[in-house]
């Protein structure tokens, strides 16, 4: 009986982890689409990305590297309102969330994608 219970618990945990990984993969894919779509994030217009094939100029903003090591809140805040998050007063990057260009869920998807950048 104990063996069966342990097996069921292990199966349940494995199922949760697998569905979480699939959900995260979907979120990353959605974020990548927003990053690369002109009428959404259009991030590729300004940013080159380390380790990613980006079909855009990517020459106006900094090259994105090492974002996998940033915490989610800093990335979210930067996309939401770079002026407040980074203390900038002059940048071409829009405050995507503050001006309503991207929704909360879209910014979270972009953050999931940005976390894949080494």
Protein backbone atom coordinates (compact mmCIF):
# COMPACT_ATOMS: atom_id res chain seq x y z
CA UNK A 1 0.00 0.00 0.00
CA UNK A 2 2.77 2.39 0.95
CA UNK A 3 4.57 1.66 -2.31
CA UNK A 4 1.44 2.44 -4.32
CA UNK A 5 0.89 5.69 -2.41
CA UNK A 6 4.52 6.75 -3.02
CA UNK A 7 4.18 5.89 -6.69
CA UNK A 8 1.00 7.97 -6.98
CA UNK A 9 2.64 10.92 -5.22
CA UNK A 10 5.68 10.71 -7.51
CA UNK A 11 3.40 10.54 -10.55
CA UNK A 12 1.44 13.57 -9.40
CA UNK A 13 4.62 15.62 -8.83
CA UNK A 14 6.00 14.59 -12.21
CA UNK A 15 2.74 15.57 -13.89
CA UNK A 16 2.76 19.00 -12.26
CA UNK A 17 6.38 19.59 -13.26
CA UNK A 18 5.73 18.49 -16.84
CA UNK A 19 2.66 20.71 -17.22
CA UNK A 20 4.58 23.61 -15.67
CA UNK A 21 7.41 23.13 -18.18
CA UNK A 22 4.91 23.06 -21.07
CA UNK A 23 3.18 26.19 -19.78
CA UNK A 24 6.55 27.93 -19.49
CA UNK A 25 7.49 26.88 -23.04
CA UNK A 26 4.20 28.35 -24.29
CA UNK A 27 4.89 31.59 -22.39
CA UNK A 28 8.41 31.81 -23.85
CA UNK A 29 7.03 31.25 -27.38
CA UNK A 30 4.42 33.96 -26.83
CA UNK A 31 7.12 36.32 -25.54
CA UNK A 32 9.33 35.60 -28.54
CA UNK A 33 6.42 36.43 -30.85
CA UNK A 34 5.79 39.73 -29.05
CA UNK A 35 9.52 40.53 -29.16
CA UNK A 36 9.66 39.93 -32.92
CA UNK A 37 6.29 41.36 -34.03
CA UNK A 38 6.32 44.91 -35.36
CA UNK A 39 2.91 45.98 -34.04
CA UNK A 40 3.47 44.39 -30.60
CA UNK A 41 6.83 44.75 -28.85
CA UNK A 42 8.95 45.29 -31.95
CA UNK A 43 12.01 44.85 -29.72
CA UNK A 44 14.06 43.49 -32.62
CA UNK A 45 13.97 46.94 -34.22
CA UNK A 46 16.38 48.21 -31.58
CA UNK A 47 17.96 45.17 -29.90
CA UNK A 48 20.31 42.51 -31.15
CA UNK A 49 20.16 39.41 -28.97
CA UNK A 50 22.99 37.14 -27.88
CA UNK A 51 22.45 33.60 -29.15
CA UNK A 52 19.21 34.30 -31.03
CA UNK A 53 18.57 34.72 -34.75
CA UNK A 54 16.82 38.08 -34.96
CA UNK A 55 15.65 39.42 -38.30
CA UNK A 56 15.84 43.11 -37.54
CA UNK A 57 18.30 45.98 -37.45
CA UNK A 58 18.98 45.74 -33.70
CA UNK A 59 21.38 48.63 -33.83
CA UNK A 60 19.71 51.40 -31.83
CA UNK A 61 19.53 49.86 -28.35
CA UNK A 62 22.04 47.77 -26.46
CA UNK A 63 22.66 44.16 -27.42
CA UNK A 64 20.74 41.97 -24.98
CA UNK A 65 23.01 39.51 -23.18
CA UNK A 66 22.98 37.74 -19.85
CA UNK A 67 19.29 38.33 -19.17
CA UNK A 68 18.87 34.73 -17.98
CA UNK A 69 20.66 35.88 -14.82
CA UNK A 70 18.43 38.89 -14.14
CA UNK A 71 15.56 38.56 -11.71
CA UNK A 72 12.02 38.58 -13.09
CA UNK A 73 10.99 41.77 -11.28
CA UNK A 74 13.84 43.85 -12.71
CA UNK A 75 13.09 42.63 -16.24
CA UNK A 76 9.35 43.22 -15.80
CA UNK A 77 9.87 46.70 -14.39
CA UNK A 78 12.27 47.59 -17.19
CA UNK A 79 9.80 46.59 -19.90
CA UNK A 80 6.85 48.13 -18.04
CA UNK A 81 8.52 51.54 -17.51
CA UNK A 82 12.24 51.79 -18.20
CA UNK A 83 12.31 55.39 -17.00
CA UNK A 84 11.28 54.52 -13.43
CA UNK A 85 12.95 51.11 -13.32
CA UNK A 86 16.38 52.25 -14.47
CA UNK A 87 16.27 55.93 -13.47
CA UNK A 88 16.63 57.08 -17.07
CA UNK A 89 15.43 60.40 -18.37
CA UNK A 90 16.34 60.04 -22.04
CA UNK A 91 15.83 56.79 -23.92
CA UNK A 92 14.06 55.76 -27.09
CA UNK A 93 12.57 52.67 -25.44
CA UNK A 94 8.89 53.13 -24.73
CA UNK A 95 7.41 52.44 -21.30
CA UNK A 96 5.44 49.54 -22.79
CA UNK A 97 3.23 48.84 -19.78
CA UNK A 98 2.83 52.37 -18.46
CA UNK A 99 1.50 53.66 -21.79
CA UNK A 100 -0.66 50.56 -22.30
CA UNK A 101 1.23 49.30 -25.36
CA UNK A 102 1.60 45.85 -23.76
CA UNK A 103 -0.65 44.22 -21.17
CA UNK A 104 0.55 42.66 -17.93
CA UNK A 105 0.34 39.15 -19.41
CA UNK A 106 2.21 40.22 -22.55
CA UNK A 107 5.02 41.74 -20.47
CA UNK A 108 5.24 38.54 -18.42
CA UNK A 109 5.57 36.58 -21.67
CA UNK A 110 8.33 38.92 -22.88
CA UNK A 111 10.11 38.46 -19.54
CA UNK A 112 9.89 34.66 -19.95
CA UNK A 113 11.51 35.01 -23.38
CA UNK A 114 14.16 37.44 -22.13
CA UNK A 115 15.09 34.91 -19.43
CA UNK A 116 16.20 32.55 -22.24
CA UNK A 117 18.93 34.99 -23.33
CA UNK A 118 22.41 34.14 -22.03
